[in-house]
Amino acid sequence: MALVLDKEEIWVLECIKEAHIDKGFHIRDVIKKAKNGYGLSRSTVYEIVGYLEFHGLIKTNKAGNREIDESIAYFVTCLGCGKEIPGNEYFKENGKQVCEDCYLEGHQKIKFADPVAVRSKKLFRKQHGFEGAEGLTELQKEIYDFILEEGGVTPEKISKLFKLTPQETRNQLAILRHCELLKWRKMGEEMYMVPFDS
């Protein structure tokens, strides 16, 4: 059965890694770090260290000191999407453990209204002789063709139809906007992406 650590257990494990020296770590140092960094009580740290020892993630070495057993695999639940990821593959984002996909999604935001990006895209497309959907990725072509057929679509509908996260949808639409293929238009109470020339 896979060992899946929760948020507080990860905090204590991070404190253990910080307190770890060549011969192991002392629980006193871990308690100080956990109290100062995360507000965890002494009893909570002892309880979690005991739990980690029970599962073999912490062992006693030949010198009688505690140390992390790097051969024991553990998993972390991504607080962004909820999937379980190996303990050595998570990223720390605003005090939360997240997977690579959630981390990248949070950091790869393309600005929608960016005059420099519009100018750059226009120049690039002109230099390469691209018109319409030429030079787009397959996904961008599909989104663009769908919007042309519909005449206007909400970003939420694109997310559902193409199975994209809201951020992925915004990024794809921003690129199509930079190419001056799409633009925003308010219809009723909602904002729609419509063909640029409409």
N, C-alpha and C. Protein backbone atom coordinates (compact mmCIF):
# COMPACT_ATOMS: atom_id res chain seq x y z
N MET A 1 0.84 -1.18 0.00
CA MET A 1 0.00 0.00 0.00
C MET A 1 0.89 1.25 0.00
N ALA A 2 0.60 2.19 -0.88
CA ALA A 2 1.40 3.40 -1.02
C ALA A 2 1.21 4.32 0.18
N LEU A 3 2.31 4.92 0.62
CA LEU A 3 2.28 5.88 1.71
C LEU A 3 2.00 7.26 1.12
N VAL A 4 0.83 7.82 1.49
CA VAL A 4 0.43 9.15 0.99
C VAL A 4 0.45 10.11 2.18
N LEU A 5 1.29 11.14 2.07
CA LEU A 5 1.44 12.09 3.17
C LEU A 5 0.51 13.28 3.01
N ASP A 6 -0.03 13.75 4.13
CA ASP A 6 -0.89 14.94 4.08
C ASP A 6 -0.04 16.20 4.26
N LYS A 7 -0.68 17.34 4.31
CA LYS A 7 0.00 18.63 4.34
C LYS A 7 0.93 18.76 5.55
N GLU A 8 0.43 18.44 6.74
CA GLU A 8 1.25 18.58 7.95
C GLU A 8 2.41 17.60 7.95
N GLU A 9 2.18 16.40 7.45
CA GLU A 9 3.26 15.41 7.37
C GLU A 9 4.36 15.86 6.42
N ILE A 10 3.96 16.51 5.33
CA ILE A 10 4.95 17.06 4.39
C ILE A 10 5.72 18.20 5.06
N TRP A 11 5.02 19.04 5.82
CA TRP A 11 5.69 20.14 6.53
C TRP A 11 6.78 19.58 7.46
N VAL A 12 6.42 18.56 8.23
CA VAL A 12 7.39 17.97 9.17
C VAL A 12 8.55 17.35 8.39
N LEU A 13 8.25 16.67 7.30
CA LEU A 13 9.30 16.06 6.49
C LEU A 13 10.25 17.13 5.92
N GLU A 14 9.70 18.27 5.52
CA GLU A 14 10.55 19.37 5.03
C GLU A 14 11.43 19.90 6.16
N CYS A 15 10.88 19.99 7.36
CA CYS A 15 11.67 20.44 8.52
C CYS A 15 12.77 19.43 8.85
N ILE A 16 12.45 18.16 8.71
CA ILE A 16 13.46 17.11 8.94
C ILE A 16 14.59 17.25 7.93
N LYS A 17 14.24 17.48 6.66
CA LYS A 17 15.27 17.64 5.63
C LYS A 17 16.15 18.85 5.91
N GLU A 18 15.56 19.94 6.41
CA GLU A 18 16.33 21.14 6.75
C GLU A 18 17.24 20.89 7.95
N ALA A 19 16.76 20.11 8.92
CA ALA A 19 17.53 19.85 10.14
C ALA A 19 18.53 18.71 9.97
N HIS A 20 18.43 17.98 8.88
CA HIS A 20 19.26 16.79 8.64
C HIS A 20 20.72 17.18 8.43
N ILE A 21 21.60 16.55 9.19
CA ILE A 21 23.04 16.72 8.97
C ILE A 21 23.63 15.35 8.64
N ASP A 22 24.94 15.27 8.48
CA ASP A 22 25.57 14.01 8.06
C ASP A 22 25.19 12.82 8.92
N LYS A 23 25.05 13.02 10.21
CA LYS A 23 24.80 11.89 11.13
C LYS A 23 23.33 11.69 11.42
N GLY A 24 22.45 12.44 10.77
CA GLY A 24 21.02 12.32 11.02
C GLY A 24 20.43 13.64 11.47
N PHE A 25 19.34 13.59 12.22
CA PHE A 25 18.72 14.82 12.71
C PHE A 25 18.29 14.64 14.16
N HIS A 26 18.15 15.75 14.85
CA HIS A 26 17.67 15.73 16.22
C HIS A 26 16.25 16.27 16.23
N ILE A 27 15.37 15.58 16.93
CA ILE A 27 13.95 15.95 16.96
C ILE A 27 13.75 17.37 17.49
N ARG A 28 14.63 17.81 18.39
CA ARG A 28 14.54 19.17 18.95
C ARG A 28 14.61 20.23 17.84
N ASP A 29 15.53 20.01 16.86
CA ASP A 29 15.68 20.96 15.75
C ASP A 29 14.44 20.96 14.85
N VAL A 30 13.87 19.78 14.66
CA VAL A 30 12.67 19.66 13.83
C VAL A 30 11.50 20.37 14.49
N ILE A 31 11.36 20.20 15.80
CA ILE A 31 10.26 20.85 16.54
C ILE A 31 10.37 22.37 16.41
N LYS A 32 11.58 22.92 16.57
CA LYS A 32 11.78 24.37 16.44
C LYS A 32 11.36 24.86 15.07
N LYS A 33 11.82 24.16 14.03
CA LYS A 33 11.52 24.57 12.65
C LYS A 33 10.02 24.46 12.36
N ALA A 34 9.41 23.37 12.83
CA ALA A 34 7.97 23.15 12.58
C ALA A 34 7.12 24.17 13.32
N LYS A 35 7.55 24.54 14.53
CA LYS A 35 6.80 25.52 15.32
C LYS A 35 6.92 26.90 14.69
N ASN A 36 8.15 27.30 14.35
CA ASN A 36 8.38 28.63 13.77
C ASN A 36 7.84 28.76 12.35
N GLY A 37 8.00 27.72 11.55
CA GLY A 37 7.60 27.80 10.15
C GLY A 37 6.14 27.52 9.89
N TYR A 38 5.54 26.61 10.67
CA TYR A 38 4.18 26.17 10.36
C TYR A 38 3.22 26.23 11.56
N GLY A 39 3.73 26.60 12.73
CA GLY A 39 2.87 26.70 13.91
C GLY A 39 2.45 25.36 14.47
N LEU A 40 3.22 24.31 14.18
CA LEU A 40 2.88 22.97 14.69
C LEU A 40 3.36 22.81 16.14
N SER A 41 2.58 22.11 16.93
CA SER A 41 2.94 21.89 18.33
C SER A 41 3.96 20.75 18.45
N ARG A 42 4.61 20.71 19.60
CA ARG A 42 5.60 19.66 19.90
C ARG A 42 4.96 18.27 19.78
N SER A 43 3.75 18.12 20.35
CA SER A 43 3.09 16.81 20.33
C SER A 43 2.73 16.38 18.91
N THR A 44 2.34 17.35 18.06
CA THR A 44 2.02 17.03 16.66
C THR A 44 3.27 16.54 15.93
N VAL A 45 4.40 17.21 16.17
CA VAL A 45 5.65 16.79 15.51
C VAL A 45 6.02 15.39 15.97
N TYR A 46 5.96 15.11 17.28
CA TYR A 46 6.27 13.76 17.78
C TYR A 46 5.35 12.72 17.15
N GLU A 47 4.08 13.05 17.08
CA GLU A 47 3.10 12.12 16.49
C GLU A 47 3.43 11.81 15.03
N ILE A 48 3.77 12.87 14.26
CA ILE A 48 4.06 12.68 12.83
C ILE A 48 5.37 11.94 12.64
N VAL A 49 6.39 12.27 13.44
CA VAL A 49 7.67 11.56 13.33
C VAL A 49 7.45 10.07 13.65
N GLY A 50 6.64 9.78 14.67
CA GLY A 50 6.32 8.39 15.00
C GLY A 50 5.62 7.68 13.83
N TYR A 51 4.71 8.38 13.19
CA TYR A 51 4.00 7.83 12.03
C TYR A 51 4.98 7.54 10.89
N LEU A 52 5.89 8.48 10.64
CA LEU A 52 6.87 8.29 9.57
C LEU A 52 7.84 7.15 9.90
N GLU A 53 8.17 6.99 11.19
CA GLU A 53 9.02 5.87 11.61
C GLU A 53 8.29 4.55 11.42
N PHE A 54 7.01 4.53 11.79
CA PHE A 54 6.21 3.31 11.65
C PHE A 54 6.19 2.82 10.20
N HIS A 55 6.13 3.77 9.26
CA HIS A 55 6.08 3.41 7.84
C HIS A 55 7.46 3.29 7.19
N GLY A 56 8.51 3.43 8.00
CA GLY A 56 9.86 3.19 7.51
C GLY A 56 10.53 4.37 6.81
N LEU A 57 9.84 5.48 6.71
CA LEU A 57 10.42 6.64 6.03
C LEU A 57 11.52 7.27 6.88
N ILE A 58 11.43 7.10 8.19
CA ILE A 58 12.48 7.52 9.10
C ILE A 58 12.99 6.27 9.81
N LYS A 59 14.32 6.15 9.86
CA LYS A 59 14.91 4.98 10.52
C LYS A 59 16.01 5.45 11.47
N THR A 60 16.44 4.56 12.32
CA THR A 60 17.55 4.85 13.22
C THR A 60 18.81 4.28 12.60
N ASN A 61 19.84 5.13 12.46
CA ASN A 61 21.08 4.67 11.83
C ASN A 61 22.00 3.99 12.84
N LYS A 62 23.19 3.56 12.40
CA LYS A 62 24.11 2.81 13.27
C LYS A 62 24.60 3.64 14.45
N ALA A 63 24.63 4.95 14.26
CA ALA A 63 25.08 5.84 15.35
C ALA A 63 23.96 6.11 16.36
N GLY A 64 22.77 5.56 16.10
CA GLY A 64 21.64 5.75 17.00
C GLY A 64 20.83 7.01 16.75
N ASN A 65 21.11 7.68 15.62
CA ASN A 65 20.38 8.90 15.26
C ASN A 65 19.29 8.59 14.23
N ARG A 66 18.26 9.42 14.23
CA ARG A 66 17.21 9.26 13.22
C ARG A 66 17.68 9.88 11.90
N GLU A 67 17.27 9.25 10.80
CA GLU A 67 17.55 9.81 9.47
C GLU A 67 16.46 9.37 8.50
N ILE A 68 16.37 10.06 7.39
CA ILE A 68 15.38 9.73 6.37
C ILE A 68 15.90 8.54 5.57
N ASP A 69 15.04 7.58 5.33
CA ASP A 69 15.39 6.45 4.47
C ASP A 69 14.95 6.79 3.06
N GLU A 70 15.91 7.19 2.23
CA GLU A 70 15.63 7.65 0.87
C GLU A 70 15.06 6.54 -0.03
N SER A 71 15.20 5.28 0.39
CA SER A 71 14.71 4.18 -0.45
C SER A 71 13.20 3.96 -0.31
N ILE A 72 12.59 4.57 0.69
CA ILE A 72 11.15 4.40 0.91
C ILE A 72 10.39 5.43 0.07
N ALA A 73 9.52 4.93 -0.79
CA ALA A 73 8.72 5.81 -1.66
C ALA A 73 7.50 6.31 -0.90
N TYR A 74 7.16 7.56 -1.16
CA TYR A 74 5.94 8.13 -0.59
C TYR A 74 5.31 9.04 -1.62
N PHE A 75 4.05 9.33 -1.42
CA PHE A 75 3.30 10.16 -2.36
C PHE A 75 2.68 11.35 -1.64
N VAL A 76 2.39 12.37 -2.44
CA VAL A 76 1.78 13.60 -1.95
C VAL A 76 0.54 13.85 -2.80
N THR A 77 -0.53 14.32 -2.18
CA THR A 77 -1.73 14.68 -2.93
C THR A 77 -1.59 16.13 -3.38
N CYS A 78 -1.68 16.34 -4.69
CA CYS A 78 -1.59 17.71 -5.24
C CYS A 78 -2.80 18.49 -4.75
N LEU A 79 -2.54 19.65 -4.14
CA LEU A 79 -3.64 20.47 -3.62
C LEU A 79 -4.30 21.30 -4.72
N GLY A 80 -3.78 21.19 -5.95
CA GLY A 80 -4.39 21.88 -7.09
C GLY A 80 -5.42 21.00 -7.78
N CYS A 81 -5.00 19.78 -8.16
CA CYS A 81 -5.89 18.92 -8.94
C CYS A 81 -6.31 17.65 -8.19
N GLY A 82 -5.64 17.35 -7.07
CA GLY A 82 -6.03 16.19 -6.27
C GLY A 82 -5.37 14.88 -6.64
N LYS A 83 -4.52 14.86 -7.67
CA LYS A 83 -3.88 13.59 -8.02
C LYS A 83 -2.68 13.32 -7.13
N GLU A 84 -2.37 12.03 -6.96
CA GLU A 84 -1.23 11.63 -6.13
C GLU A 84 0.03 11.64 -6.98
N ILE A 85 1.08 12.26 -6.45
CA ILE A 85 2.35 12.35 -7.16
C ILE A 85 3.47 11.86 -6.25
N PRO A 86 4.55 11.32 -6.83
CA PRO A 86 5.68 10.88 -6.00
C PRO A 86 6.21 12.05 -5.16
N GLY A 87 6.64 11.74 -3.94
CA GLY A 87 7.06 12.76 -3.00
C GLY A 87 8.22 13.63 -3.44
N ASN A 88 9.01 13.14 -4.38
CA ASN A 88 10.15 13.95 -4.84
C ASN A 88 9.80 14.75 -6.09
N GLU A 89 8.53 14.76 -6.51
CA GLU A 89 8.14 15.44 -7.74
C GLU A 89 7.15 16.59 -7.54
N TYR A 90 6.93 16.99 -6.30
CA TYR A 90 5.98 18.08 -6.09
C TYR A 90 6.70 19.42 -6.04
N PHE A 91 5.95 20.48 -6.28
CA PHE A 91 6.46 21.84 -6.18
C PHE A 91 5.74 22.52 -5.04
N LYS A 92 6.41 23.45 -4.40
CA LYS A 92 5.78 24.20 -3.32
C LYS A 92 5.35 25.55 -3.88
N GLU A 93 4.06 25.80 -3.85
CA GLU A 93 3.50 27.03 -4.41
C GLU A 93 2.60 27.68 -3.37
N ASN A 94 2.99 28.84 -2.85
CA ASN A 94 2.22 29.53 -1.82
C ASN A 94 1.92 28.64 -0.62
N GLY A 95 2.92 27.86 -0.20
CA GLY A 95 2.77 26.97 0.95
C GLY A 95 2.00 25.70 0.67
N LYS A 96 1.63 25.45 -0.59
CA LYS A 96 0.88 24.25 -0.94
C LYS A 96 1.73 23.34 -1.83
N GLN A 97 1.50 22.04 -1.71
CA GLN A 97 2.17 21.08 -2.57
C GLN A 97 1.34 20.89 -3.83
N VAL A 98 1.95 21.13 -5.00
CA VAL A 98 1.23 20.96 -6.26
C VAL A 98 2.09 20.16 -7.24
N CYS A 99 1.42 19.53 -8.19
CA CYS A 99 2.12 18.76 -9.22
C CYS A 99 2.71 19.71 -10.27
N GLU A 100 3.52 19.16 -11.15
CA GLU A 100 4.17 19.98 -12.17
C GLU A 100 3.15 20.67 -13.07
N ASP A 101 2.09 19.94 -13.45
CA ASP A 101 1.07 20.53 -14.33
C ASP A 101 0.41 21.74 -13.69
N CYS A 102 0.03 21.62 -12.42
CA CYS A 102 -0.62 22.74 -11.73
C CYS A 102 0.36 23.90 -11.54
N TYR A 103 1.61 23.57 -11.26
CA TYR A 103 2.62 24.61 -11.10
C TYR A 103 2.81 25.39 -12.40
N LEU A 104 2.96 24.65 -13.50
CA LEU A 104 3.15 25.30 -14.80
C LEU A 104 1.93 26.11 -15.21
N GLU A 105 0.76 25.56 -14.94
CA GLU A 105 -0.47 26.27 -15.31
C GLU A 105 -0.55 27.61 -14.59
N GLY A 106 -0.08 27.63 -13.35
CA GLY A 106 -0.11 28.86 -12.59
C GLY A 106 0.93 29.88 -13.02
N HIS A 107 1.94 29.42 -13.74
CA HIS A 107 3.03 30.31 -14.12
C HIS A 107 3.11 30.61 -15.60
N GLN A 108 2.34 29.91 -16.40
CA GLN A 108 2.40 30.13 -17.84
C GLN A 108 1.15 30.86 -18.31
N LYS A 109 1.02 32.06 -17.84
CA LYS A 109 -0.14 32.87 -18.21
C LYS A 109 0.28 33.82 -19.33
N ILE A 110 -0.47 33.80 -20.40
CA ILE A 110 -0.20 34.69 -21.52
C ILE A 110 -1.15 35.88 -21.38
N LYS A 111 -0.58 37.08 -21.38
CA LYS A 111 -1.40 38.28 -21.26
C LYS A 111 -2.27 38.43 -22.49
N PHE A 112 -3.54 38.70 -22.26
CA PHE A 112 -4.49 38.81 -23.37
C PHE A 112 -4.31 40.12 -24.13
N ALA A 113 -4.33 41.21 -23.41
CA ALA A 113 -4.20 42.53 -24.03
C ALA A 113 -2.74 42.97 -23.92
N ASP A 114 -1.92 42.54 -24.87
CA ASP A 114 -0.50 42.83 -24.85
C ASP A 114 -0.09 43.39 -26.21
N PRO A 115 0.00 44.72 -26.34
CA PRO A 115 0.30 45.34 -27.63
C PRO A 115 1.63 44.87 -28.23
N VAL A 116 2.62 44.60 -27.38
CA VAL A 116 3.91 44.13 -27.89
C VAL A 116 3.76 42.74 -28.50
N ALA A 117 2.99 41.88 -27.85
CA ALA A 117 2.78 40.53 -28.37
C ALA A 117 2.00 40.58 -29.68
N VAL A 118 1.01 41.47 -29.76
CA VAL A 118 0.22 41.61 -31.00
C VAL A 118 1.14 42.06 -32.14
N ARG A 119 1.95 43.06 -31.88
CA ARG A 119 2.86 43.57 -32.91
C ARG A 119 3.84 42.48 -33.35
N SER A 120 4.38 41.78 -32.38
CA SER A 120 5.34 40.71 -32.66
C SER A 120 4.71 39.60 -33.50
N LYS A 121 3.51 39.16 -33.11
CA LYS A 121 2.81 38.10 -33.85
C LYS A 121 2.47 38.55 -35.27
N LYS A 122 2.00 39.78 -35.40
CA LYS A 122 1.65 40.31 -36.73
C LYS A 122 2.89 40.32 -37.63
N LEU A 123 4.01 40.77 -37.08
CA LEU A 123 5.26 40.83 -37.84
C LEU A 123 5.72 39.43 -38.23
N PHE A 124 5.67 38.52 -37.29
CA PHE A 124 6.07 37.13 -37.55
C PHE A 124 5.21 36.50 -38.64
N ARG A 125 3.90 36.67 -38.52
CA ARG A 125 2.98 36.06 -39.49
C ARG A 125 3.17 36.69 -40.88
N LYS A 126 3.43 38.00 -40.92
CA LYS A 126 3.64 38.68 -42.20
C LYS A 126 4.93 38.19 -42.86
N GLN A 127 6.00 38.05 -42.05
CA GLN A 127 7.29 37.58 -42.58
C GLN A 127 7.19 36.17 -43.15
N HIS A 128 6.34 35.35 -42.56
CA HIS A 128 6.19 33.96 -43.00
C HIS A 128 5.04 33.76 -43.98
N GLY A 129 4.33 34.82 -44.27
CA GLY A 129 3.23 34.75 -45.22
C GLY A 129 2.02 33.98 -44.71
N PHE A 130 1.84 33.93 -43.39
CA PHE A 130 0.72 33.20 -42.82
C PHE A 130 -0.55 34.03 -42.89
N GLU A 131 -1.63 33.38 -43.31
CA GLU A 131 -2.95 34.01 -43.31
C GLU A 131 -3.94 33.05 -42.68
N GLY A 132 -4.96 33.60 -42.06
CA GLY A 132 -5.98 32.75 -41.44
C GLY A 132 -5.36 31.81 -40.43
N ALA A 133 -5.67 30.51 -40.55
CA ALA A 133 -5.23 29.51 -39.58
C ALA A 133 -3.82 28.98 -39.87
N GLU A 134 -3.16 29.48 -40.89
CA GLU A 134 -1.80 29.02 -41.20
C GLU A 134 -0.85 29.39 -40.06
N GLY A 135 0.03 28.48 -39.72
CA GLY A 135 1.01 28.72 -38.67
C GLY A 135 0.51 28.46 -37.26
N LEU A 136 -0.73 28.03 -37.11
CA LEU A 136 -1.28 27.72 -35.80
C LEU A 136 -1.06 26.25 -35.47
N THR A 137 -1.11 25.92 -34.18
CA THR A 137 -1.08 24.52 -33.78
C THR A 137 -2.42 23.88 -34.16
N GLU A 138 -2.47 22.55 -34.12
CA GLU A 138 -3.73 21.86 -34.45
C GLU A 138 -4.86 22.28 -33.51
N LEU A 139 -4.54 22.39 -32.24
CA LEU A 139 -5.55 22.80 -31.26
C LEU A 139 -6.06 24.21 -31.56
N GLN A 140 -5.14 25.12 -31.84
CA GLN A 140 -5.53 26.50 -32.15
C GLN A 140 -6.39 26.56 -33.41
N LYS A 141 -6.05 25.74 -34.41
CA LYS A 141 -6.85 25.68 -35.64
C LYS A 141 -8.27 25.20 -35.34
N GLU A 142 -8.36 24.15 -34.52
CA GLU A 142 -9.68 23.61 -34.17
C GLU A 142 -10.53 24.64 -33.43
N ILE A 143 -9.91 25.33 -32.47
CA ILE A 143 -10.63 26.35 -31.71
C ILE A 143 -11.07 27.48 -32.64
N TYR A 144 -10.16 27.93 -33.48
CA TYR A 144 -10.45 29.03 -34.40
C TYR A 144 -11.57 28.64 -35.36
N ASP A 145 -11.48 27.45 -35.97
CA ASP A 145 -12.52 26.99 -36.90
C ASP A 145 -13.87 26.87 -36.20
N PHE A 146 -13.86 26.39 -34.96
CA PHE A 146 -15.10 26.25 -34.21
C PHE A 146 -15.74 27.62 -33.98
N ILE A 147 -14.93 28.61 -33.60
CA ILE A 147 -15.46 29.96 -33.36
C ILE A 147 -15.96 30.58 -34.65
N LEU A 148 -15.27 30.33 -35.77
CA LEU A 148 -15.74 30.82 -37.06
C LEU A 148 -17.11 30.25 -37.40
N GLU A 149 -17.29 28.94 -37.18
CA GLU A 149 -18.56 28.27 -37.46
C GLU A 149 -19.69 28.81 -36.57
N GLU A 150 -19.38 28.97 -35.28
CA GLU A 150 -20.40 29.40 -34.31
C GLU A 150 -20.68 30.90 -34.38
N GLY A 151 -19.70 31.66 -34.81
CA GLY A 151 -19.84 33.10 -34.84
C GLY A 151 -19.46 33.79 -33.54
N GLY A 152 -19.42 33.04 -32.47
CA GLY A 152 -19.05 33.56 -31.16
C GLY A 152 -19.25 32.49 -30.11
N VAL A 153 -18.29 32.35 -29.21
CA VAL A 153 -18.33 31.30 -28.20
C VAL A 153 -17.76 31.84 -26.90
N THR A 154 -18.30 31.38 -25.77
CA THR A 154 -17.75 31.76 -24.46
C THR A 154 -16.52 30.89 -24.19
N PRO A 155 -15.57 31.41 -23.41
CA PRO A 155 -14.40 30.61 -23.05
C PRO A 155 -14.78 29.33 -22.29
N GLU A 156 -15.85 29.40 -21.49
CA GLU A 156 -16.28 28.22 -20.73
C GLU A 156 -16.70 27.10 -21.68
N LYS A 157 -17.38 27.44 -22.77
CA LYS A 157 -17.81 26.43 -23.72
C LYS A 157 -16.59 25.80 -24.41
N ILE A 158 -15.59 26.62 -24.71
CA ILE A 158 -14.37 26.11 -25.34
C ILE A 158 -13.66 25.16 -24.38
N SER A 159 -13.58 25.54 -23.10
CA SER A 159 -12.94 24.68 -22.09
C SER A 159 -13.61 23.32 -22.04
N LYS A 160 -14.94 23.32 -21.99
CA LYS A 160 -15.69 22.04 -21.91
C LYS A 160 -15.51 21.22 -23.17
N LEU A 161 -15.69 21.85 -24.32
CA LEU A 161 -15.64 21.14 -25.59
C LEU A 161 -14.27 20.55 -25.88
N PHE A 162 -13.22 21.32 -25.61
CA PHE A 162 -11.87 20.87 -25.93
C PHE A 162 -11.14 20.26 -24.73
N LYS A 163 -11.86 20.11 -23.61
CA LYS A 163 -11.33 19.51 -22.39
C LYS A 163 -10.04 20.20 -21.94
N LEU A 164 -10.11 21.53 -21.81
CA LEU A 164 -8.99 22.34 -21.38
C LEU A 164 -9.30 22.96 -20.02
N THR A 165 -8.26 23.24 -19.27
CA THR A 165 -8.46 23.98 -18.02
C THR A 165 -8.76 25.43 -18.40
N PRO A 166 -9.35 26.20 -17.49
CA PRO A 166 -9.62 27.61 -17.80
C PRO A 166 -8.35 28.37 -18.20
N GLN A 167 -7.22 28.08 -17.54
CA GLN A 167 -5.97 28.79 -17.88
C GLN A 167 -5.47 28.39 -19.27
N GLU A 168 -5.55 27.10 -19.61
CA GLU A 168 -5.14 26.66 -20.95
C GLU A 168 -6.01 27.34 -22.01
N THR A 169 -7.30 27.45 -21.73
CA THR A 169 -8.22 28.11 -22.66
C THR A 169 -7.83 29.57 -22.84
N ARG A 170 -7.60 30.27 -21.73
CA ARG A 170 -7.20 31.68 -21.81
C ARG A 170 -5.92 31.85 -22.62
N ASN A 171 -4.94 30.94 -22.40
CA ASN A 171 -3.68 31.03 -23.14
C ASN A 171 -3.89 30.86 -24.64
N GLN A 172 -4.69 29.86 -25.03
CA GLN A 172 -4.93 29.61 -26.45
C GLN A 172 -5.67 30.79 -27.10
N LEU A 173 -6.66 31.31 -26.39
CA LEU A 173 -7.42 32.45 -26.92
C LEU A 173 -6.55 33.71 -27.01
N ALA A 174 -5.64 33.87 -26.05
CA ALA A 174 -4.74 35.03 -26.08
C ALA A 174 -3.84 34.97 -27.32
N ILE A 175 -3.35 33.78 -27.64
CA ILE A 175 -2.50 33.64 -28.83
C ILE A 175 -3.30 33.97 -30.09
N LEU A 176 -4.53 33.47 -30.16
CA LEU A 176 -5.37 33.77 -31.33
C LEU A 176 -5.71 35.26 -31.39
N ARG A 177 -5.82 35.90 -30.24
CA ARG A 177 -6.06 37.35 -30.21
C ARG A 177 -4.81 38.10 -30.69
N HIS A 178 -3.64 37.64 -30.27
CA HIS A 178 -2.38 38.27 -30.70
C HIS A 178 -2.21 38.18 -32.22
N CYS A 179 -2.73 37.10 -32.80
CA CYS A 179 -2.67 36.94 -34.27
C CYS A 179 -3.75 37.77 -34.97
N GLU A 180 -4.56 38.46 -34.18
CA GLU A 180 -5.70 39.24 -34.68
C GLU A 180 -6.66 38.38 -35.49
N LEU A 181 -6.89 37.17 -34.96
CA LEU A 181 -7.88 36.27 -35.55
C LEU A 181 -9.19 36.31 -34.75
N LEU A 182 -9.08 36.65 -33.46
CA LEU A 182 -10.26 36.70 -32.59
C LEU A 182 -10.24 37.98 -31.77
N LYS A 183 -11.41 38.33 -31.24
CA LYS A 183 -11.51 39.47 -30.32
C LYS A 183 -12.69 39.21 -29.38
N TRP A 184 -12.76 40.00 -28.31
CA TRP A 184 -13.86 39.90 -27.36
C TRP A 184 -15.05 40.71 -27.85
N ARG A 185 -16.24 40.22 -27.52
CA ARG A 185 -17.46 41.00 -27.76
C ARG A 185 -18.46 40.63 -26.66
N LYS A 186 -19.05 41.66 -26.08
CA LYS A 186 -20.06 41.41 -25.05
C LYS A 186 -21.40 41.18 -25.73
N MET A 187 -22.03 40.06 -25.39
CA MET A 187 -23.35 39.73 -25.91
C MET A 187 -24.24 39.44 -24.71
N GLY A 188 -25.17 40.32 -24.48
CA GLY A 188 -26.00 40.19 -23.28
C GLY A 188 -25.14 40.44 -22.07
N GLU A 189 -25.12 39.49 -21.14
CA GLU A 189 -24.32 39.62 -19.92
C GLU A 189 -22.98 38.92 -20.02
N GLU A 190 -22.74 38.20 -21.13
CA GLU A 190 -21.52 37.40 -21.22
C GLU A 190 -20.57 37.91 -22.28
N MET A 191 -19.28 37.57 -22.09
CA MET A 191 -18.25 37.91 -23.05
C MET A 191 -18.02 36.72 -23.97
N TYR A 192 -17.98 36.98 -25.27
CA TYR A 192 -17.77 35.93 -26.26
C TYR A 192 -16.50 36.23 -27.05
N MET A 193 -15.87 35.16 -27.52
CA MET A 193 -14.78 35.31 -28.48
C MET A 193 -15.43 35.21 -29.86
N VAL A 194 -15.14 36.20 -30.70
CA VAL A 194 -15.74 36.25 -32.04
C VAL A 194 -14.61 36.46 -33.05
N PRO A 195 -14.87 36.15 -34.34
CA PRO A 195 -13.86 36.41 -35.37
C PRO A 195 -13.46 37.88 -35.36
N PHE A 196 -12.19 38.16 -35.60
CA PHE A 196 -11.64 39.51 -35.51
C PHE A 196 -12.32 40.47 -36.48
N ASP A 197 -12.68 40.00 -37.66
CA ASP A 197 -13.25 40.87 -38.69
C ASP A 197 -14.75 41.08 -38.55
N SER A 198 -15.38 40.42 -37.57
CA SER A 198 -16.84 40.56 -37.47
C SER A 198 -17.26 41.82 -36.76
